[in-house]
C-alpha atoms as a PDB file:
ATOM      1  CA  MET A   1      16.193 -52.333  27.222  1.00  0.00           C
ATOM      2  CA  ASN A   2      19.521 -52.514  29.026  1.00  0.00           C
ATOM      3  CA  GLU A   3      21.186 -49.172  28.299  1.00  0.00           C
ATOM      4  CA  LYS A   4      24.847 -50.587  28.017  1.00  0.00           C
ATOM      5  CA  GLN A   5      26.429 -49.864  24.639  1.00  0.00           C
ATOM      6  CA  GLN A   6      26.831 -52.584  22.275  1.00  0.00           C
ATOM      7  CA  SER A   7      29.677 -52.834  19.803  1.00  0.00           C
ATOM      8  CA  MET A   8      31.456 -54.262  16.712  1.00  0.00           C
ATOM      9  CA  SER A   9      34.526 -56.367  17.011  1.00  0.00           C
ATOM     10  CA  THR A  10      36.681 -57.462  14.082  1.00  0.00           C
ATOM     11  CA  ILE A  11      37.325 -61.243  13.730  1.00  0.00           C
ATOM     12  CA  ASN A  12      38.929 -63.395  11.207  1.00  0.00           C
ATOM     13  CA  ALA A  13      36.622 -65.018   8.779  1.00  0.00           C
ATOM     14  CA  THR A  14      37.892 -68.502  10.032  1.00  0.00           C
ATOM     15  CA  ASP A  15      36.407 -67.597  13.514  1.00  0.00           C
ATOM     16  CA  ILE A  16      32.746 -67.298  12.299  1.00  0.00           C
ATOM     17  CA  LYS A  17      30.379 -69.425  14.109  1.00  0.00           C
ATOM     18  CA  LYS A  18      26.830 -70.276  13.841  1.00  0.00           C
ATOM     19  CA  GLY A  19      24.344 -67.788  15.513  1.00  0.00           C
ATOM     20  CA  MET A  20      26.799 -64.879  15.260  1.00  0.00           C
ATOM     21  CA  ILE A  21      25.422 -61.569  14.067  1.00  0.00           C
ATOM     22  CA  ILE A  22      27.790 -60.127  11.466  1.00  0.00           C
ATOM     23  CA  LYS A  23      27.875 -56.898   9.475  1.00  0.00           C
ATOM     24  CA  PHE A  24      28.345 -57.514   5.613  1.00  0.00           C
ATOM     25  CA  ASN A  25      27.683 -55.084   2.808  1.00  0.00           C
ATOM     26  CA  ASN A  26      26.163 -52.640   5.318  1.00  0.00           C
ATOM     27  CA  ASP A  27      23.501 -54.924   6.471  1.00  0.00           C
ATOM     28  CA  LEU A  28      23.110 -57.179   9.535  1.00  0.00           C
ATOM     29  CA  TYR A  29      23.234 -61.040   9.023  1.00  0.00           C
ATOM     30  CA  GLU A  30      22.742 -64.021  11.331  1.00  0.00           C
ATOM     31  CA  VAL A  31      25.153 -66.837  10.474  1.00  0.00           C
ATOM     32  CA  ALA A  32      22.854 -69.890   9.696  1.00  0.00           C
ATOM     33  CA  ASP A  33      25.641 -72.403   8.931  1.00  0.00           C
ATOM     34  CA  TYR A  34      29.293 -72.453   7.717  1.00  0.00           C
ATOM     35  CA  ASP A  35      31.825 -74.866   6.189  1.00  0.00           C
ATOM     36  CA  HIS A  36      35.579 -74.641   6.418  1.00  0.00           C
ATOM     37  CA  VAL A  37      36.680 -75.384   2.890  1.00  0.00           C
ATOM     38  CA  THR A  38      40.318 -76.308   1.935  1.00  0.00           C
ATOM     39  CA  PRO A  39      40.484 -76.966  -1.813  1.00  0.00           C
ATOM     40  CA  GLY A  40      43.749 -78.722  -2.762  1.00  0.00           C
ATOM     41  CA  ASN A  41      46.647 -76.320  -2.911  1.00  0.00           C
ATOM     42  CA  TRP A  42      44.458 -73.327  -2.372  1.00  0.00           C
ATOM     43  CA  ARG A  43      44.091 -71.380   0.777  1.00  0.00           C
ATOM     44  CA  ALA A  44      41.405 -72.256   3.298  1.00  0.00           C
ATOM     45  CA  MET A  45      37.940 -70.344   2.754  1.00  0.00           C
ATOM     46  CA  MET A  46      34.822 -70.218   4.932  1.00  0.00           C
ATOM     47  CA  GLN A  47      31.616 -70.917   2.928  1.00  0.00           C
ATOM     48  CA  VAL A  48      28.894 -69.084   5.085  1.00  0.00           C
ATOM     49  CA  LYS A  49      25.235 -69.223   4.738  1.00  0.00           C
ATOM     50  CA  MET A  50      23.522 -66.249   6.478  1.00  0.00           C
ATOM     51  CA  ARG A  51      20.078 -64.723   6.850  1.00  0.00           C
ATOM     52  CA  SER A  52      19.367 -60.958   6.729  1.00  0.00           C
ATOM     53  CA  VAL A  53      18.207 -59.787  10.127  1.00  0.00           C
ATOM     54  CA  LYS A  54      15.957 -57.099   8.335  1.00  0.00           C
ATOM     55  CA  THR A  55      14.527 -58.959   5.296  1.00  0.00           C
ATOM     56  CA  GLY A  56      14.969 -62.722   6.399  1.00  0.00           C
ATOM     57  CA  SER A  57      16.437 -63.564   2.864  1.00  0.00           C
ATOM     58  CA  THR A  58      19.520 -65.857   2.778  1.00  0.00           C
ATOM     59  CA  LEU A  59      22.745 -65.413   1.213  1.00  0.00           C
ATOM     60  CA  GLU A  60      25.665 -67.501   0.814  1.00  0.00           C
ATOM     61  CA  TYR A  61      29.312 -66.112   0.490  1.00  0.00           C
ATOM     62  CA  ARG A  62      32.783 -67.498   0.432  1.00  0.00           C
ATOM     63  CA  PHE A  63      35.057 -65.489   2.691  1.00  0.00           C
ATOM     64  CA  ARG A  64      38.862 -66.045   2.113  1.00  0.00           C
ATOM     65  CA  SER A  65      40.840 -67.109   5.354  1.00  0.00           C
ATOM     66  CA  VAL A  66      42.646 -63.640   5.293  1.00  0.00           C
ATOM     67  CA  ASP A  67      39.288 -61.724   5.306  1.00  0.00           C
ATOM     68  CA  LYS A  68      38.081 -59.811   8.477  1.00  0.00           C
ATOM     69  CA  VAL A  69      34.540 -59.541   9.403  1.00  0.00           C
ATOM     70  CA  GLU A  70      32.719 -57.206  11.736  1.00  0.00           C
ATOM     71  CA  GLN A  71      30.888 -59.121  14.410  1.00  0.00           C
ATOM     72  CA  LEU A  72      28.062 -57.318  16.406  1.00  0.00           C
ATOM     73  CA  SER A  73      28.010 -57.618  20.021  1.00  0.00           C
ATOM     74  CA  VAL A  74      24.369 -58.428  20.968  1.00  0.00           C
ATOM     75  CA  GLU A  75      22.307 -58.976  24.007  1.00  0.00           C
ATOM     76  CA  LEU A  76      19.785 -61.815  24.331  1.00  0.00           C
ATOM     77  CA  LYS A  77      16.857 -61.601  26.486  1.00  0.00           C
ATOM     78  CA  PRO A  78      14.614 -64.600  27.222  1.00  0.00           C
ATOM     79  CA  VAL A  79      10.744 -63.852  27.029  1.00  0.00           C
ATOM     80  CA  ASP A  80       7.555 -65.891  26.837  1.00  0.00           C
ATOM     81  CA  TYR A  81       4.955 -65.074  24.271  1.00  0.00           C
ATOM     82  CA  LEU A  82       1.690 -64.017  25.936  1.00  0.00           C
ATOM     83  CA  TYR A  83      -0.929 -62.852  23.347  1.00  0.00           C
ATOM     84  CA  GLN A  84      -1.639 -60.854  20.153  1.00  0.00           C
ATOM     85  CA  LYS A  85      -3.110 -57.461  20.417  1.00  0.00           C
ATOM     86  CA  GLY A  86      -3.962 -56.164  16.943  1.00  0.00           C
ATOM     87  CA  ASN A  87      -0.515 -56.040  14.946  1.00  0.00           C
ATOM     88  CA  PHE A  88       1.270 -56.366  18.107  1.00  0.00           C
ATOM     89  CA  PHE A  89       2.612 -59.520  19.825  1.00  0.00           C
ATOM     90  CA  VAL A  90       2.913 -59.127  23.478  1.00  0.00           C
ATOM     91  CA  PHE A  91       5.768 -61.019  25.248  1.00  0.00           C
ATOM     92  CA  MET A  92       6.937 -61.112  28.999  1.00  0.00           C
ATOM     93  CA  SER A  93      10.615 -61.083  30.265  1.00  0.00           C
ATOM     94  CA  THR A  94      11.321 -64.126  32.315  1.00  0.00           C
ATOM     95  CA  GLU A  95      13.881 -61.994  34.011  1.00  0.00           C
ATOM     96  CA  ASN A  96      12.082 -58.889  35.478  1.00  0.00           C
ATOM     97  CA  TYR A  97       8.285 -59.871  34.268  1.00  0.00           C
ATOM     98  CA  GLU A  98       8.195 -56.487  32.151  1.00  0.00           C
ATOM     99  CA  GLU A  99       5.914 -56.824  29.018  1.00  0.00           C
ATOM    100  CA  VAL A 100       7.393 -56.064  25.500  1.00  0.00           C
ATOM    101  CA  SER A 101       5.238 -55.379  22.578  1.00  0.00           C
ATOM    102  CA  ILE A 102       6.633 -56.336  19.101  1.00  0.00           C
ATOM    103  CA  ASN A 103       5.018 -55.277  15.720  1.00  0.00           C
ATOM    104  CA  LEU A 104       3.976 -57.954  13.132  1.00  0.00           C
ATOM    105  CA  GLU A 105       6.240 -56.052  10.817  1.00  0.00           C
ATOM    106  CA  VAL A 106       9.330 -57.222  12.991  1.00  0.00           C
ATOM    107  CA  LEU A 107       8.259 -60.612  13.357  1.00  0.00           C
ATOM    108  CA  LYS A 108       7.184 -61.399   9.804  1.00  0.00           C
ATOM    109  CA  ASP A 109       6.930 -65.052   9.184  1.00  0.00           C
ATOM    110  CA  LYS A 110       7.978 -66.055  12.693  1.00  0.00           C
ATOM    111  CA  ALA A 111       4.362 -64.778  13.751  1.00  0.00           C
ATOM    112  CA  LYS A 112       2.938 -67.912  12.545  1.00  0.00           C
ATOM    113  CA  TYR A 113       4.923 -69.945  15.169  1.00  0.00           C
ATOM    114  CA  MET A 114       3.661 -67.776  17.996  1.00  0.00           C
ATOM    115  CA  LYS A 115       1.896 -70.077  20.399  1.00  0.00           C
ATOM    116  CA  GLU A 116       0.905 -69.060  24.083  1.00  0.00           C
ATOM    117  CA  ASN A 117       3.799 -69.566  26.398  1.00  0.00           C
ATOM    118  CA  LEU A 118       6.358 -70.224  23.699  1.00  0.00           C
ATOM    119  CA  SER A 119       9.711 -69.158  24.915  1.00  0.00           C
ATOM    120  CA  VAL A 120      11.884 -67.140  22.572  1.00  0.00           C
ATOM    121  CA  MET A 121      15.044 -64.953  22.689  1.00  0.00           C
ATOM    122  CA  LEU A 122      14.855 -61.210  21.846  1.00  0.00           C
ATOM    123  CA  VAL A 123      18.081 -60.121  20.356  1.00  0.00           C
ATOM    124  CA  TYR A 124      19.254 -56.471  21.038  1.00  0.00           C
ATOM    125  CA  CYS A 125      22.010 -54.296  19.819  1.00  0.00           C
ATOM    126  CA  ASP A 126      22.746 -50.534  19.958  1.00  0.00           C
ATOM    127  CA  GLU A 127      20.087 -50.314  17.059  1.00  0.00           C
ATOM    128  CA  GLY A 128      17.554 -51.624  19.460  1.00  0.00           C
ATOM    129  CA  LEU A 129      15.612 -54.868  18.852  1.00  0.00           C
ATOM    130  CA  ILE A 130      17.215 -56.624  15.549  1.00  0.00           C
ATOM    131  CA  ASP A 131      15.736 -60.060  15.801  1.00  0.00           C
ATOM    132  CA  VAL A 132      13.449 -62.690  17.516  1.00  0.00           C
ATOM    133  CA  GLN A 133      15.132 -66.169  17.782  1.00  0.00           C
ATOM    134  CA  LEU A 134      12.726 -68.912  17.721  1.00  0.00           C
ATOM    135  CA  PRO A 135      13.341 -72.427  19.232  1.00  0.00           C
ATOM    136  CA  VAL A 136      14.482 -74.942  16.725  1.00  0.00           C
ATOM    137  CA  THR A 137      11.149 -76.737  16.868  1.00  0.00           C
ATOM    138  CA  VAL A 138       7.629 -75.949  18.063  1.00  0.00           C
ATOM    139  CA  ASP A 139       4.546 -78.279  18.749  1.00  0.00           C
ATOM    140  CA  LEU A 140       1.304 -76.819  17.078  1.00  0.00           C
ATOM    141  CA  LYS A 141      -2.262 -78.448  16.686  1.00  0.00           C
ATOM    142  CA  ILE A 142      -3.754 -79.076  13.371  1.00  0.00           C
ATOM    143  CA  THR A 143      -6.996 -77.287  12.870  1.00  0.00           C
ATOM    144  CA  GLU A 144      -7.629 -77.849   9.307  1.00  0.00           C
ATOM    145  CA  THR A 145      -6.750 -80.729   6.932  1.00  0.00           C
ATOM    146  CA  THR A 146      -8.243 -83.338   4.651  1.00  0.00           C
ATOM    147  CA  PRO A 147      -9.108 -86.803   6.123  1.00  0.00           C
ATOM    148  CA  PRO A 148      -6.256 -89.337   6.330  1.00  0.00           C
ATOM    149  CA  LEU A 149      -5.962 -91.838   3.327  1.00  0.00           C
ATOM    150  CA  LYS A 150      -6.703 -95.379   4.551  1.00  0.00           C
ATOM    151  CA  THR A 151      -3.821 -96.706   2.656  1.00  0.00           C
ATOM    152  CA  ALA A 152      -1.252 -94.147   3.676  1.00  0.00           C
ATOM    153  CA  THR A 153       1.396 -95.593   5.654  1.00  0.00           C
ATOM    154  CA  ILE A 154       4.352 -94.068   3.724  1.00  0.00           C
ATOM    155  CA  THR A 155       5.611 -90.642   4.433  1.00  0.00           C
ATOM    156  CA  ASN A 156       6.434 -89.656   0.888  1.00  0.00           C
ATOM    157  CA  VAL A 157       2.720 -88.661   0.195  1.00  0.00           C
ATOM    158  CA  SER A 158       1.896 -85.318   1.655  1.00  0.00           C
ATOM    159  CA  LYS A 159      -0.916 -82.915   2.088  1.00  0.00           C
ATOM    160  CA  PRO A 160      -1.459 -79.343   3.457  1.00  0.00           C
ATOM    161  CA  ALA A 161      -2.463 -78.890   7.048  1.00  0.00           C
ATOM    162  CA  THR A 162      -3.272 -75.633   8.796  1.00  0.00           C
ATOM    163  CA  MET A 163      -2.153 -75.091  12.340  1.00  0.00           C
ATOM    164  CA  GLU A 164      -3.800 -73.244  15.172  1.00  0.00           C
ATOM    165  CA  THR A 165      -1.495 -70.289  14.488  1.00  0.00           C
ATOM    166  CA  GLY A 166      -2.448 -70.265  10.792  1.00  0.00           C
ATOM    167  CA  LEU A 167       0.788 -71.762   9.704  1.00  0.00           C
ATOM    168  CA  VAL A 168       0.262 -74.242   6.662  1.00  0.00           C
ATOM    169  CA  VAL A 169       2.701 -77.209   6.580  1.00  0.00           C
ATOM    170  CA  GLN A 170       2.966 -80.148   4.305  1.00  0.00           C
ATOM    171  CA  VAL A 171       2.309 -83.211   6.523  1.00  0.00           C
ATOM    172  CA  PRO A 172       2.282 -87.019   5.733  1.00  0.00           C
ATOM    173  CA  ALA A 173      -1.114 -88.135   4.460  1.00  0.00           C
ATOM    174  CA  PHE A 174      -1.670 -90.338   7.488  1.00  0.00           C
ATOM    175  CA  ILE A 175      -1.887 -87.284   9.802  1.00  0.00           C
ATOM    176  CA  GLU A 176      -5.322 -86.462  11.249  1.00  0.00           C
ATOM    177  CA  LEU A 177      -7.271 -83.347  12.290  1.00  0.00           C
ATOM    178  CA  GLY A 178      -6.546 -82.414  15.876  1.00  0.00           C
ATOM    179  CA  GLU A 179      -3.278 -84.010  16.165  1.00  0.00           C
ATOM    180  CA  THR A 180      -0.208 -82.038  17.423  1.00  0.00           C
ATOM    181  CA  ILE A 181       2.845 -82.148  15.384  1.00  0.00           C
ATOM    182  CA  ARG A 182       6.394 -80.860  15.720  1.00  0.00           C
ATOM    183  CA  ILE A 183       7.652 -78.421  13.164  1.00  0.00           C
ATOM    184  CA  ASP A 184      11.266 -77.183  12.366  1.00  0.00           C
ATOM    185  CA  THR A 185      11.153 -73.348  12.495  1.00  0.00           C
ATOM    186  CA  ARG A 186      14.081 -72.947  10.321  1.00  0.00           C
ATOM    187  CA  ASP A 187      12.322 -74.317   7.133  1.00  0.00           C
ATOM    188  CA  GLY A 188       8.713 -74.791   8.306  1.00  0.00           C
ATOM    189  CA  ARG A 189       8.873 -78.645   7.677  1.00  0.00           C
ATOM    190  CA  TYR A 190       7.133 -81.428   9.556  1.00  0.00           C
ATOM    191  CA  VAL A 191       9.170 -83.401  11.935  1.00  0.00           C
ATOM    192  CA  GLU A 192       7.008 -85.837  13.810  1.00  0.00           C
ATOM    193  CA  ARG A 193       3.855 -86.503  15.518  1.00  0.00           C
ATOM    194  CA  VAL A 194       3.589 -85.461  19.233  1.00  0.00           C
ATOM    195  CA  LYS A 195       1.664 -87.296  21.802  1.00  0.00           C
ATOM    196  CA  VAL A 196      -0.239 -84.980  24.115  1.00  0.00           C
ATOM    197  CA  GLU A 197      -0.595 -86.070  27.598  1.00  0.00           C
END
């Protein structure tokens, strides 16, 4: 890891943006979404949806426009996923080709999206590695599901499908075994079928 010191800076709640890492109630949170609310004659507020970096749990909080928030300065490092060795997932830096091993306990549910050569971002601060940022979508192959229903053409009928990584996703009933699908990593939902060349 780069030895340069990371630091906190205090910002106005109205300056909160998606993707920021902020300190709130002595915990680190990544801002997932925000909405600037101006209710009638009241002062403006920031409705913020955030995800705990440590536990992955989500929290919504309404900051007043006069509130101050501590923003954490972080360093992002691009890496590619190589392979799994026991409880460790091995990545390679795309900048200096060094290998980095990350424990399953750090990755948690994100491990189910790890497919060979997947590009992700490692998020570092003065506490060390604090997060692994996945791309918004990943393409995975279905290794287990029930046969498609011949009459299934509508997408509101779904069935479970197991991906090559062990992730289980609800897919439309017409999806077949062996197909590759696109999945939203933010909520684990099916997006679309992917044609593999």
